């Protein structure tokens, strides 16, 4: 989870493309009807590169090439590497939120729902081991420029609300103490599910290990049947 943290947390993120000239926007016909698909390919390529390399080692040209585009064309969709990184984070968070909301939508106890959530996010961790959904890189930027990253803050709050709702159900049914701090307990549950699992999966990257990791979380939290 902390793979790319050090350089960016020290301010590298906001100065990443100073040595890369941004191509001027070309006049001409508008984007084709597949602009949305092109943007999706770019985000997928960016996630792969940000996951595998240090932030400073990822270039716009490399991401563009992986997505089957020219280095100049990527700037039609993203103004800079900072912008690309931010949008990649938001895209992953949206996918994560859709996944966990769907997992807890059915019937069952809070433990049943949490177990379903864990199993649902397993493929996400398997694909992006080491890529921070909301790790120190993003937290550093949120603290420095909260207004600029309000959308990320909102997405993070959407995630947190799912886990807080599980804690409330746990309190209501008597599994958790009445004086449980809902906000803190919910955030801790989210941190375990997102951050801790992502970190452990980084050091135990085999797909087979993900099953053991998820099972171990259930054991530690007492949700395994």
Protein backbone atom coordinates (compact mmCIF):
# COMPACT_ATOMS: atom_id res chain seq x y z
CA UNK A 1 0.00 0.00 0.00
CA UNK A 2 2.88 2.39 0.73
CA UNK A 3 4.86 1.53 -2.38
CA UNK A 4 4.75 5.00 -3.98
CA UNK A 5 4.31 7.08 -0.85
CA UNK A 6 7.63 8.67 0.01
CA UNK A 7 8.28 10.90 -2.98
CA UNK A 8 4.75 12.15 -3.32
CA UNK A 9 4.15 12.73 0.38
CA UNK A 10 7.20 15.00 0.31
CA UNK A 11 5.65 17.23 -2.32
CA UNK A 12 6.63 15.48 -5.52
CA UNK A 13 3.05 14.99 -6.64
CA UNK A 14 2.30 18.63 -7.20
CA UNK A 15 5.52 19.28 -9.15
CA UNK A 16 5.73 16.14 -11.22
CA UNK A 17 5.51 17.44 -14.77
CA UNK A 18 7.53 20.64 -14.59
CA UNK A 19 10.08 19.29 -17.07
CA UNK A 20 7.48 17.98 -19.51
CA UNK A 21 6.06 20.54 -21.95
CA UNK A 22 2.30 20.31 -22.21
CA UNK A 23 1.24 20.20 -25.86
CA UNK A 24 -1.01 23.04 -26.94
CA UNK A 25 -4.57 22.01 -27.58
CA UNK A 26 -5.11 21.39 -31.25
CA UNK A 27 -8.08 22.75 -33.07
CA UNK A 28 -10.07 20.45 -35.25
CA UNK A 29 -12.88 18.00 -35.08
CA UNK A 30 -14.15 17.04 -31.62
CA UNK A 31 -13.38 13.75 -29.94
CA UNK A 32 -14.92 10.67 -31.44
CA UNK A 33 -17.81 8.81 -29.89
CA UNK A 34 -15.35 6.46 -28.16
CA UNK A 35 -13.80 9.15 -25.95
CA UNK A 36 -15.26 7.51 -22.84
CA UNK A 37 -13.72 4.15 -23.74
CA UNK A 38 -10.38 5.81 -24.47
CA UNK A 39 -10.39 7.52 -21.09
CA UNK A 40 -11.19 4.19 -19.42
CA UNK A 41 -8.22 2.53 -21.18
CA UNK A 42 -5.94 5.33 -20.03
CA UNK A 43 -7.08 5.01 -16.41
CA UNK A 44 -6.56 1.24 -16.50
CA UNK A 45 -3.08 1.68 -17.95
CA UNK A 46 -2.26 4.40 -15.40
CA UNK A 47 -3.38 2.21 -12.50
CA UNK A 48 -1.10 -0.58 -13.68
CA UNK A 49 1.92 1.73 -13.93
CA UNK A 50 1.28 3.60 -10.67
CA UNK A 51 0.89 0.23 -8.98
CA UNK A 52 4.10 -1.24 -10.31
CA UNK A 53 6.45 1.76 -10.25
CA UNK A 54 7.39 4.73 -8.13
CA UNK A 55 5.37 7.81 -9.03
CA UNK A 56 8.44 9.58 -10.41
CA UNK A 57 9.07 6.67 -12.80
CA UNK A 58 5.65 6.87 -14.44
CA UNK A 59 5.41 9.14 -17.47
CA UNK A 60 2.43 10.33 -19.45
CA UNK A 61 4.04 8.95 -22.60
CA UNK A 62 4.42 5.48 -21.10
CA UNK A 63 0.81 5.38 -19.95
CA UNK A 64 -0.37 6.58 -23.33
CA UNK A 65 1.66 3.92 -25.14
CA UNK A 66 0.20 1.19 -22.91
CA UNK A 67 -3.28 2.39 -23.82
CA UNK A 68 -2.45 2.41 -27.53
CA UNK A 69 -2.21 6.19 -27.86
CA UNK A 70 0.43 8.76 -28.68
CA UNK A 71 2.15 10.76 -25.97
CA UNK A 72 0.48 13.97 -27.10
CA UNK A 73 -3.03 12.50 -27.35
CA UNK A 74 -3.23 11.70 -23.64
CA UNK A 75 -3.31 15.43 -22.87
CA UNK A 76 -6.72 15.64 -24.50
CA UNK A 77 -8.02 13.71 -21.50
CA UNK A 78 -5.65 14.69 -18.66
CA UNK A 79 -3.82 18.00 -18.21
CA UNK A 80 -0.84 16.54 -16.35
CA UNK A 81 0.46 13.49 -14.51
CA UNK A 82 -0.95 14.94 -11.29
CA UNK A 83 -4.38 15.10 -12.90
CA UNK A 84 -4.03 11.57 -14.24
CA UNK A 85 -3.03 10.25 -10.82
CA UNK A 86 -5.95 11.99 -9.11
CA UNK A 87 -8.44 10.66 -11.64
CA UNK A 88 -7.00 7.16 -11.30
CA UNK A 89 -7.50 7.33 -7.53
CA UNK A 90 -11.09 8.53 -7.97
CA UNK A 91 -11.85 5.85 -10.53
CA UNK A 92 -10.61 3.11 -8.19
CA UNK A 93 -12.56 4.56 -5.29
CA UNK A 94 -15.76 4.63 -7.34
CA UNK A 95 -15.31 0.98 -8.28
CA UNK A 96 -14.61 0.15 -4.65
CA UNK A 97 -17.72 1.99 -3.46
CA UNK A 98 -19.94 0.32 -6.04
CA UNK A 99 -18.59 -3.06 -4.96
CA UNK A 100 -19.07 -2.64 -1.22
CA UNK A 101 -22.52 -1.06 -1.57
CA UNK A 102 -23.69 -3.99 -3.68
CA UNK A 103 -22.19 -6.48 -1.19
CA UNK A 104 -24.13 -5.15 1.81
CA UNK A 105 -27.40 -4.52 -0.01
CA UNK A 106 -28.93 -7.93 0.76
CA UNK A 107 -30.37 -9.41 3.91
CA UNK A 108 -28.40 -10.89 6.78
CA UNK A 109 -26.62 -9.92 9.97
CA UNK A 110 -23.90 -7.29 10.01
CA UNK A 111 -21.38 -10.13 10.16
CA UNK A 112 -22.90 -11.78 7.08
CA UNK A 113 -22.79 -8.48 5.21
CA UNK A 114 -19.23 -7.79 6.26
CA UNK A 115 -18.12 -11.23 5.12
CA UNK A 116 -19.81 -10.69 1.76
CA UNK A 117 -18.07 -7.32 1.51
CA UNK A 118 -14.68 -8.91 2.22
CA UNK A 119 -15.23 -11.54 -0.44
CA UNK A 120 -16.44 -8.96 -2.94
CA UNK A 121 -13.37 -6.75 -2.60
CA UNK A 122 -10.91 -9.65 -2.79
CA UNK A 123 -10.58 -9.41 -6.60
CA UNK A 124 -9.95 -5.67 -6.29
CA UNK A 125 -7.06 -6.20 -3.89
CA UNK A 126 -5.74 -9.00 -6.07
CA UNK A 127 -5.64 -6.69 -9.10
CA UNK A 128 -4.16 -3.66 -7.44
CA UNK A 129 -1.96 -4.86 -4.62
CA UNK A 130 0.09 -1.90 -3.49
CA UNK A 131 -2.07 0.77 -5.13
CA UNK A 132 -3.44 3.11 -2.45
CA UNK A 133 -7.18 3.65 -2.47
CA UNK A 134 -6.75 6.25 0.21
CA UNK A 135 -3.25 5.84 1.57
CA UNK A 136 -0.61 8.25 2.80
CA UNK A 137 -0.10 9.71 -0.67
CA UNK A 138 -3.68 10.87 -0.96
CA UNK A 139 -4.04 11.73 2.72
CA UNK A 140 -1.04 14.02 2.46
CA UNK A 141 -2.66 15.93 -0.39
CA UNK A 142 -6.05 16.04 1.34
CA UNK A 143 -4.45 17.69 4.35
CA UNK A 144 -2.51 20.22 2.31
CA UNK A 145 -5.26 21.19 -0.14
CA UNK A 146 -8.63 19.93 1.17
CA UNK A 147 -10.71 22.12 -1.16
CA UNK A 148 -8.95 20.92 -4.29
CA UNK A 149 -9.52 17.29 -3.41
CA UNK A 150 -13.10 17.58 -2.17
CA UNK A 151 -14.32 14.92 -4.60
CA UNK A 152 -11.85 12.41 -3.16
CA UNK A 153 -12.96 13.38 0.33
CA UNK A 154 -16.58 12.79 -0.67
CA UNK A 155 -15.77 9.38 -2.14
CA UNK A 156 -13.89 8.45 1.00
CA UNK A 157 -16.88 9.51 3.11
CA UNK A 158 -19.16 7.35 0.96
CA UNK A 159 -16.90 4.37 1.71
CA UNK A 160 -16.87 5.16 5.42
CA UNK A 161 -20.66 5.36 5.62
CA UNK A 162 -20.95 1.71 4.56
CA UNK A 163 -18.68 0.52 7.38
CA UNK A 164 -20.31 2.79 9.95
CA UNK A 165 -23.68 1.31 9.03
CA UNK A 166 -22.29 -2.16 9.76
CA UNK A 167 -21.07 -1.00 13.15
CA UNK A 168 -24.50 0.45 13.94
CA UNK A 169 -26.10 -2.90 13.09
CA UNK A 170 -23.56 -4.63 15.33
CA UNK A 171 -24.44 -2.34 18.22
CA UNK A 172 -28.19 -2.66 17.65
CA UNK A 173 -28.08 -6.46 17.76
CA UNK A 174 -25.93 -6.54 20.89
CA UNK A 175 -22.75 -7.90 19.29
CA UNK A 176 -20.93 -4.65 19.98
CA UNK A 177 -21.05 -2.49 23.14
CA UNK A 178 -23.62 0.30 23.32
CA UNK A 179 -20.90 2.87 23.93
CA UNK A 180 -19.01 1.98 20.73
CA UNK A 181 -17.83 5.11 18.90
CA UNK A 182 -19.59 4.55 15.56
CA UNK A 183 -17.41 6.89 13.49
CA UNK A 184 -14.07 5.65 14.81
CA UNK A 185 -15.04 1.97 14.80
CA UNK A 186 -16.37 2.29 11.26
CA UNK A 187 -13.21 3.99 10.07
CA UNK A 188 -11.09 1.31 11.71
CA UNK A 189 -13.13 -1.41 10.04
CA UNK A 190 -12.64 0.33 6.70
CA UNK A 191 -8.91 0.74 7.35
CA UNK A 192 -8.58 -2.99 8.00
CA UNK A 193 -10.61 -3.90 4.94
CA UNK A 194 -8.89 -1.51 2.56
CA UNK A 195 -5.50 -0.47 3.89
CA UNK A 196 -4.42 -3.44 6.00
CA UNK A 197 -5.52 -6.09 3.52
CA UNK A 198 -3.89 -4.18 0.66
CA UNK A 199 -0.63 -3.93 2.58
CA UNK A 200 -0.57 -7.60 3.58
CA UNK A 201 -1.50 -8.68 0.05
CA UNK A 202 1.44 -6.66 -1.29
CA UNK A 203 3.83 -8.87 0.67
CA UNK A 204 1.79 -12.01 -0.01
CA UNK A 205 0.84 -11.42 -3.63
CA UNK A 206 -0.10 -14.96 -4.64
CA UNK A 207 -3.85 -15.27 -5.42
CA UNK A 208 -3.96 -18.26 -3.08
CA UNK A 209 -2.78 -16.04 -0.23
CA UNK A 210 -5.77 -13.72 -0.66
CA UNK A 211 -8.09 -16.48 0.55
CA UNK A 212 -5.99 -16.91 3.69
CA UNK A 213 -5.82 -13.16 4.26
CA UNK A 214 -9.59 -12.73 4.04
CA UNK A 215 -10.17 -15.75 6.26
CA UNK A 216 -7.71 -14.42 8.82
CA UNK A 217 -9.53 -11.08 8.95
CA UNK A 218 -12.80 -12.91 9.65
CA UNK A 219 -11.11 -14.90 12.43
CA UNK A 220 -9.57 -11.81 14.05
CA UNK A 221 -12.83 -9.83 13.89
CA UNK A 222 -14.96 -12.77 14.97
CA UNK A 223 -17.17 -12.80 11.88
CA UNK A 224 -16.23 -16.23 10.53
CA UNK A 225 -19.07 -18.72 10.95
